[in-house]
């Protein structure tokens, strides 16, 4: 079993409370708009960290990360990007990947290589957990862990991956102060 702490949109602010909530996590995932190399370094010093760059990231952050990150945790295939959307409103450049994943799930491709079980994105600052019944994967957007933007609460997600199962999903809200 692997316990994941998921954040996005820190915008160069790494609230110390994140470390408290992610203390039991095996990995941290950051879905972009990190904001500074210092934030990325602090996360990596705390726990193994997987991340993508977002539209506000420049310099060292942008050059050290990718826009899209495909990886596997246990038996779950993950695609992470910053600007992704949600079921029915995905960014168009993702649709070919999603179609290829669907074909693999229908036996027309390599499920291990092409299948997506979990789609992770950020950007909107809106926490969203939604299953896409058409493409047959779970979509997670942790909202915003930073204070930039219009949101009044900082949000994080914590969950486990156990084999093929994504479970124990927790929404963590941090009051802004």
C-alpha atoms as a PDB file:
ATOM      1  CA  UNK A   1       0.000   0.000   0.000  1.00  0.00           C
ATOM      2  CA  UNK A   2       1.258   3.475  -0.929  1.00  0.00           C
ATOM      3  CA  UNK A   3      -0.088   6.593   0.775  1.00  0.00           C
ATOM      4  CA  UNK A   4      -0.146   9.720  -1.410  1.00  0.00           C
ATOM      5  CA  UNK A   5      -0.385  13.401  -0.511  1.00  0.00           C
ATOM      6  CA  UNK A   6      -1.632  15.431  -3.494  1.00  0.00           C
ATOM      7  CA  UNK A   7      -1.363  19.208  -3.870  1.00  0.00           C
ATOM      8  CA  UNK A   8      -1.430  21.810  -6.595  1.00  0.00           C
ATOM      9  CA  UNK A   9      -1.174  25.549  -7.064  1.00  0.00           C
ATOM     10  CA  UNK A  10       1.116  26.420  -4.164  1.00  0.00           C
ATOM     11  CA  UNK A  11       2.267  29.532  -6.063  1.00  0.00           C
ATOM     12  CA  UNK A  12       5.563  29.689  -4.098  1.00  0.00           C
ATOM     13  CA  UNK A  13       3.849  29.286  -0.707  1.00  0.00           C
ATOM     14  CA  UNK A  14       4.467  26.022   1.101  1.00  0.00           C
ATOM     15  CA  UNK A  15       2.240  26.146   4.150  1.00  0.00           C
ATOM     16  CA  UNK A  16       3.906  24.301   7.051  1.00  0.00           C
ATOM     17  CA  UNK A  17       0.602  22.583   7.844  1.00  0.00           C
ATOM     18  CA  UNK A  18       1.021  20.558   4.633  1.00  0.00           C
ATOM     19  CA  UNK A  19       3.942  18.725   6.249  1.00  0.00           C
ATOM     20  CA  UNK A  20       1.788  17.815   9.257  1.00  0.00           C
ATOM     21  CA  UNK A  21      -0.986  16.416   7.066  1.00  0.00           C
ATOM     22  CA  UNK A  22       1.431  14.548   4.786  1.00  0.00           C
ATOM     23  CA  UNK A  23       3.649  13.148   7.544  1.00  0.00           C
ATOM     24  CA  UNK A  24       2.170   9.659   7.090  1.00  0.00           C
ATOM     25  CA  UNK A  25       2.472   9.766   3.275  1.00  0.00           C
ATOM     26  CA  UNK A  26       4.962   7.729   1.282  1.00  0.00           C
ATOM     27  CA  UNK A  27       4.956  10.154  -1.672  1.00  0.00           C
ATOM     28  CA  UNK A  28       3.864  13.681  -2.508  1.00  0.00           C
ATOM     29  CA  UNK A  29       2.446  14.598  -5.890  1.00  0.00           C
ATOM     30  CA  UNK A  30       2.310  18.230  -7.020  1.00  0.00           C
ATOM     31  CA  UNK A  31       0.069  19.005 -10.011  1.00  0.00           C
ATOM     32  CA  UNK A  32       1.796  22.231 -11.032  1.00  0.00           C
ATOM     33  CA  UNK A  33       2.023  25.951 -10.377  1.00  0.00           C
ATOM     34  CA  UNK A  34       4.675  25.210  -7.812  1.00  0.00           C
ATOM     35  CA  UNK A  35       5.940  28.767  -7.981  1.00  0.00           C
ATOM     36  CA  UNK A  36       9.537  28.371  -6.873  1.00  0.00           C
ATOM     37  CA  UNK A  37      12.418  25.926  -6.865  1.00  0.00           C
ATOM     38  CA  UNK A  38      12.554  26.296  -3.065  1.00  0.00           C
ATOM     39  CA  UNK A  39       9.066  24.800  -2.712  1.00  0.00           C
ATOM     40  CA  UNK A  40      10.018  21.843  -4.907  1.00  0.00           C
ATOM     41  CA  UNK A  41      13.267  21.301  -2.957  1.00  0.00           C
ATOM     42  CA  UNK A  42      11.467  21.420   0.397  1.00  0.00           C
ATOM     43  CA  UNK A  43       8.925  18.834  -0.766  1.00  0.00           C
ATOM     44  CA  UNK A  44      11.660  16.554  -2.110  1.00  0.00           C
ATOM     45  CA  UNK A  45      13.609  16.819   1.134  1.00  0.00           C
ATOM     46  CA  UNK A  46      10.471  15.822   3.052  1.00  0.00           C
ATOM     47  CA  UNK A  47       9.235  12.909   0.884  1.00  0.00           C
ATOM     48  CA  UNK A  48       9.778  11.505  -2.603  1.00  0.00           C
ATOM     49  CA  UNK A  49       7.918  13.943  -4.847  1.00  0.00           C
ATOM     50  CA  UNK A  50       6.443  13.595  -8.320  1.00  0.00           C
ATOM     51  CA  UNK A  51       5.517  16.868 -10.012  1.00  0.00           C
ATOM     52  CA  UNK A  52       4.684  18.639 -13.257  1.00  0.00           C
ATOM     53  CA  UNK A  53       5.208  22.290 -14.085  1.00  0.00           C
ATOM     54  CA  UNK A  54       2.285  24.660 -14.359  1.00  0.00           C
ATOM     55  CA  UNK A  55       1.610  27.777 -16.406  1.00  0.00           C
ATOM     56  CA  UNK A  56       3.136  30.144 -13.802  1.00  0.00           C
ATOM     57  CA  UNK A  57       6.304  28.086 -13.357  1.00  0.00           C
ATOM     58  CA  UNK A  58       9.453  29.328 -14.979  1.00  0.00           C
ATOM     59  CA  UNK A  59      13.187  28.955 -14.721  1.00  0.00           C
ATOM     60  CA  UNK A  60      14.487  26.071 -12.667  1.00  0.00           C
ATOM     61  CA  UNK A  61      11.056  24.539 -11.973  1.00  0.00           C
ATOM     62  CA  UNK A  62      10.004  24.470 -15.628  1.00  0.00           C
ATOM     63  CA  UNK A  63      13.365  23.119 -16.795  1.00  0.00           C
ATOM     64  CA  UNK A  64      13.497  20.348 -14.194  1.00  0.00           C
ATOM     65  CA  UNK A  65       9.967  18.989 -14.753  1.00  0.00           C
ATOM     66  CA  UNK A  66       7.661  17.952 -17.591  1.00  0.00           C
ATOM     67  CA  UNK A  67       4.271  19.243 -18.609  1.00  0.00           C
ATOM     68  CA  UNK A  68       2.916  15.678 -18.638  1.00  0.00           C
ATOM     69  CA  UNK A  69       4.003  12.862 -16.359  1.00  0.00           C
ATOM     70  CA  UNK A  70       2.986   9.227 -16.935  1.00  0.00           C
ATOM     71  CA  UNK A  71       3.894   6.805 -14.160  1.00  0.00           C
ATOM     72  CA  UNK A  72       2.679   3.716 -12.350  1.00  0.00           C
ATOM     73  CA  UNK A  73       2.185   3.222  -8.613  1.00  0.00           C
ATOM     74  CA  UNK A  74       1.556  -0.376  -7.690  1.00  0.00           C
ATOM     75  CA  UNK A  75      -0.981  -1.403 -10.376  1.00  0.00           C
ATOM     76  CA  UNK A  76      -2.425   2.055 -11.067  1.00  0.00           C
ATOM     77  CA  UNK A  77      -1.432   3.926 -14.241  1.00  0.00           C
ATOM     78  CA  UNK A  78      -1.346   7.683 -13.634  1.00  0.00           C
ATOM     79  CA  UNK A  79      -1.308  10.672 -15.974  1.00  0.00           C
ATOM     80  CA  UNK A  80      -0.590  14.029 -14.323  1.00  0.00           C
ATOM     81  CA  UNK A  81      -0.574  17.474 -15.915  1.00  0.00           C
ATOM     82  CA  UNK A  82      -1.405  20.956 -14.690  1.00  0.00           C
ATOM     83  CA  UNK A  83      -4.083  22.180 -17.098  1.00  0.00           C
ATOM     84  CA  UNK A  84      -6.337  19.199 -17.645  1.00  0.00           C
ATOM     85  CA  UNK A  85      -9.990  19.932 -17.069  1.00  0.00           C
ATOM     86  CA  UNK A  86     -12.556  17.407 -15.908  1.00  0.00           C
ATOM     87  CA  UNK A  87     -14.994  14.877 -17.394  1.00  0.00           C
ATOM     88  CA  UNK A  88     -16.825  16.438 -20.309  1.00  0.00           C
ATOM     89  CA  UNK A  89     -14.576  19.525 -20.256  1.00  0.00           C
ATOM     90  CA  UNK A  90     -11.042  18.213 -20.882  1.00  0.00           C
ATOM     91  CA  UNK A  91      -8.435  20.216 -22.665  1.00  0.00           C
ATOM     92  CA  UNK A  92      -8.496  19.022 -26.285  1.00  0.00           C
ATOM     93  CA  UNK A  93      -4.836  17.970 -26.447  1.00  0.00           C
ATOM     94  CA  UNK A  94      -5.543  15.243 -23.861  1.00  0.00           C
ATOM     95  CA  UNK A  95      -8.323  13.537 -25.820  1.00  0.00           C
ATOM     96  CA  UNK A  96      -5.975  11.438 -28.056  1.00  0.00           C
ATOM     97  CA  UNK A  97      -4.306  10.018 -24.916  1.00  0.00           C
ATOM     98  CA  UNK A  98      -7.671   9.303 -23.340  1.00  0.00           C
ATOM     99  CA  UNK A  99      -8.942   7.630 -26.529  1.00  0.00           C
ATOM    100  CA  UNK A 100      -5.808   5.460 -26.684  1.00  0.00           C
ATOM    101  CA  UNK A 101      -6.353   4.508 -23.031  1.00  0.00           C
ATOM    102  CA  UNK A 102      -9.976   3.590 -23.726  1.00  0.00           C
ATOM    103  CA  UNK A 103      -8.962   1.390 -26.671  1.00  0.00           C
ATOM    104  CA  UNK A 104      -6.425  -0.381 -24.447  1.00  0.00           C
ATOM    105  CA  UNK A 105      -9.116  -0.985 -21.823  1.00  0.00           C
ATOM    106  CA  UNK A 106     -11.274  -2.468 -24.591  1.00  0.00           C
ATOM    107  CA  UNK A 107      -8.491  -4.873 -25.584  1.00  0.00           C
ATOM    108  CA  UNK A 108      -7.224  -2.884 -28.585  1.00  0.00           C
ATOM    109  CA  UNK A 109      -3.829  -1.878 -27.178  1.00  0.00           C
ATOM    110  CA  UNK A 110      -1.326  -2.332 -24.404  1.00  0.00           C
ATOM    111  CA  UNK A 111      -3.158  -1.680 -21.137  1.00  0.00           C
ATOM    112  CA  UNK A 112       0.051  -1.378 -19.158  1.00  0.00           C
ATOM    113  CA  UNK A 113       1.581   1.124 -21.559  1.00  0.00           C
ATOM    114  CA  UNK A 114      -1.499   3.021 -22.730  1.00  0.00           C
ATOM    115  CA  UNK A 115      -4.131   2.651 -20.026  1.00  0.00           C
ATOM    116  CA  UNK A 116      -4.960   5.462 -17.601  1.00  0.00           C
ATOM    117  CA  UNK A 117      -6.566   4.611 -14.272  1.00  0.00           C
ATOM    118  CA  UNK A 118      -6.033   7.940 -12.538  1.00  0.00           C
ATOM    119  CA  UNK A 119      -5.910  11.399 -14.109  1.00  0.00           C
ATOM    120  CA  UNK A 120      -4.467  14.175 -11.915  1.00  0.00           C
ATOM    121  CA  UNK A 121      -4.504  17.893 -12.699  1.00  0.00           C
ATOM    122  CA  UNK A 122      -4.654  21.292 -11.044  1.00  0.00           C
ATOM    123  CA  UNK A 123      -4.951  24.861 -12.391  1.00  0.00           C
ATOM    124  CA  UNK A 124      -8.603  25.651 -11.611  1.00  0.00           C
ATOM    125  CA  UNK A 125      -8.103  26.051  -7.826  1.00  0.00           C
ATOM    126  CA  UNK A 126     -11.322  24.016  -7.553  1.00  0.00           C
ATOM    127  CA  UNK A 127     -11.123  20.738  -5.682  1.00  0.00           C
ATOM    128  CA  UNK A 128     -12.769  18.053  -7.773  1.00  0.00           C
ATOM    129  CA  UNK A 129     -12.960  14.284  -7.418  1.00  0.00           C
ATOM    130  CA  UNK A 130     -14.913  12.742 -10.263  1.00  0.00           C
ATOM    131  CA  UNK A 131     -15.075   9.382 -11.985  1.00  0.00           C
ATOM    132  CA  UNK A 132     -15.169   9.577 -15.770  1.00  0.00           C
ATOM    133  CA  UNK A 133     -17.523   6.795 -16.822  1.00  0.00           C
ATOM    134  CA  UNK A 134     -16.724   7.261 -20.527  1.00  0.00           C
ATOM    135  CA  UNK A 135     -12.930   6.947 -20.276  1.00  0.00           C
ATOM    136  CA  UNK A 136     -13.185   4.806 -17.116  1.00  0.00           C
ATOM    137  CA  UNK A 137     -10.715   6.568 -14.863  1.00  0.00           C
ATOM    138  CA  UNK A 138     -10.799   8.667 -11.727  1.00  0.00           C
ATOM    139  CA  UNK A 139     -10.043  12.385 -12.082  1.00  0.00           C
ATOM    140  CA  UNK A 140      -8.486  14.227  -9.127  1.00  0.00           C
ATOM    141  CA  UNK A 141      -7.865  17.948  -8.797  1.00  0.00           C
ATOM    142  CA  UNK A 142      -6.727  18.877  -5.267  1.00  0.00           C
ATOM    143  CA  UNK A 143      -7.701  22.528  -5.601  1.00  0.00           C
ATOM    144  CA  UNK A 144      -5.125  25.047  -4.379  1.00  0.00           C
ATOM    145  CA  UNK A 145      -2.691  24.536  -1.500  1.00  0.00           C
ATOM    146  CA  UNK A 146      -1.426  28.120  -1.763  1.00  0.00           C
ATOM    147  CA  UNK A 147      -3.078  31.437  -1.053  1.00  0.00           C
ATOM    148  CA  UNK A 148      -2.964  33.008  -4.529  1.00  0.00           C
ATOM    149  CA  UNK A 149      -6.317  33.284  -6.217  1.00  0.00           C
ATOM    150  CA  UNK A 150      -9.914  33.645  -5.217  1.00  0.00           C
ATOM    151  CA  UNK A 151     -10.358  30.521  -3.103  1.00  0.00           C
ATOM    152  CA  UNK A 152     -11.006  31.051   0.607  1.00  0.00           C
ATOM    153  CA  UNK A 153      -9.772  27.634   1.755  1.00  0.00           C
ATOM    154  CA  UNK A 154      -6.509  25.872   0.919  1.00  0.00           C
ATOM    155  CA  UNK A 155      -7.190  22.260  -0.052  1.00  0.00           C
ATOM    156  CA  UNK A 156      -5.147  19.051  -0.192  1.00  0.00           C
ATOM    157  CA  UNK A 157      -5.981  15.427  -0.935  1.00  0.00           C
ATOM    158  CA  UNK A 158      -4.646  12.339   0.750  1.00  0.00           C
ATOM    159  CA  UNK A 159      -5.369   8.776  -0.443  1.00  0.00           C
ATOM    160  CA  UNK A 160      -3.940   5.298  -0.745  1.00  0.00           C
ATOM    161  CA  UNK A 161      -3.149   3.051  -3.661  1.00  0.00           C
ATOM    162  CA  UNK A 162      -3.302  -0.631  -2.802  1.00  0.00           C
ATOM    163  CA  UNK A 163      -2.739  -2.817  -5.847  1.00  0.00           C
ATOM    164  CA  UNK A 164      -5.369  -1.649  -8.347  1.00  0.00           C
ATOM    165  CA  UNK A 165      -7.464   0.079  -5.703  1.00  0.00           C
ATOM    166  CA  UNK A 166      -7.536   3.844  -5.066  1.00  0.00           C
ATOM    167  CA  UNK A 167      -8.980   4.204  -1.588  1.00  0.00           C
ATOM    168  CA  UNK A 168      -9.185   6.131   1.692  1.00  0.00           C
ATOM    169  CA  UNK A 169      -9.552   9.484  -0.061  1.00  0.00           C
ATOM    170  CA  UNK A 170      -9.486  12.399   2.369  1.00  0.00           C
ATOM    171  CA  UNK A 171     -10.118  16.062   1.619  1.00  0.00           C
ATOM    172  CA  UNK A 172      -8.076  18.340   3.868  1.00  0.00           C
ATOM    173  CA  UNK A 173      -9.093  21.969   4.205  1.00  0.00           C
ATOM    174  CA  UNK A 174      -6.712  24.541   5.649  1.00  0.00           C
ATOM    175  CA  UNK A 175      -8.290  27.757   6.809  1.00  0.00           C
ATOM    176  CA  UNK A 176      -6.517  30.740   5.276  1.00  0.00           C
ATOM    177  CA  UNK A 177      -4.863  33.058   7.743  1.00  0.00           C
END
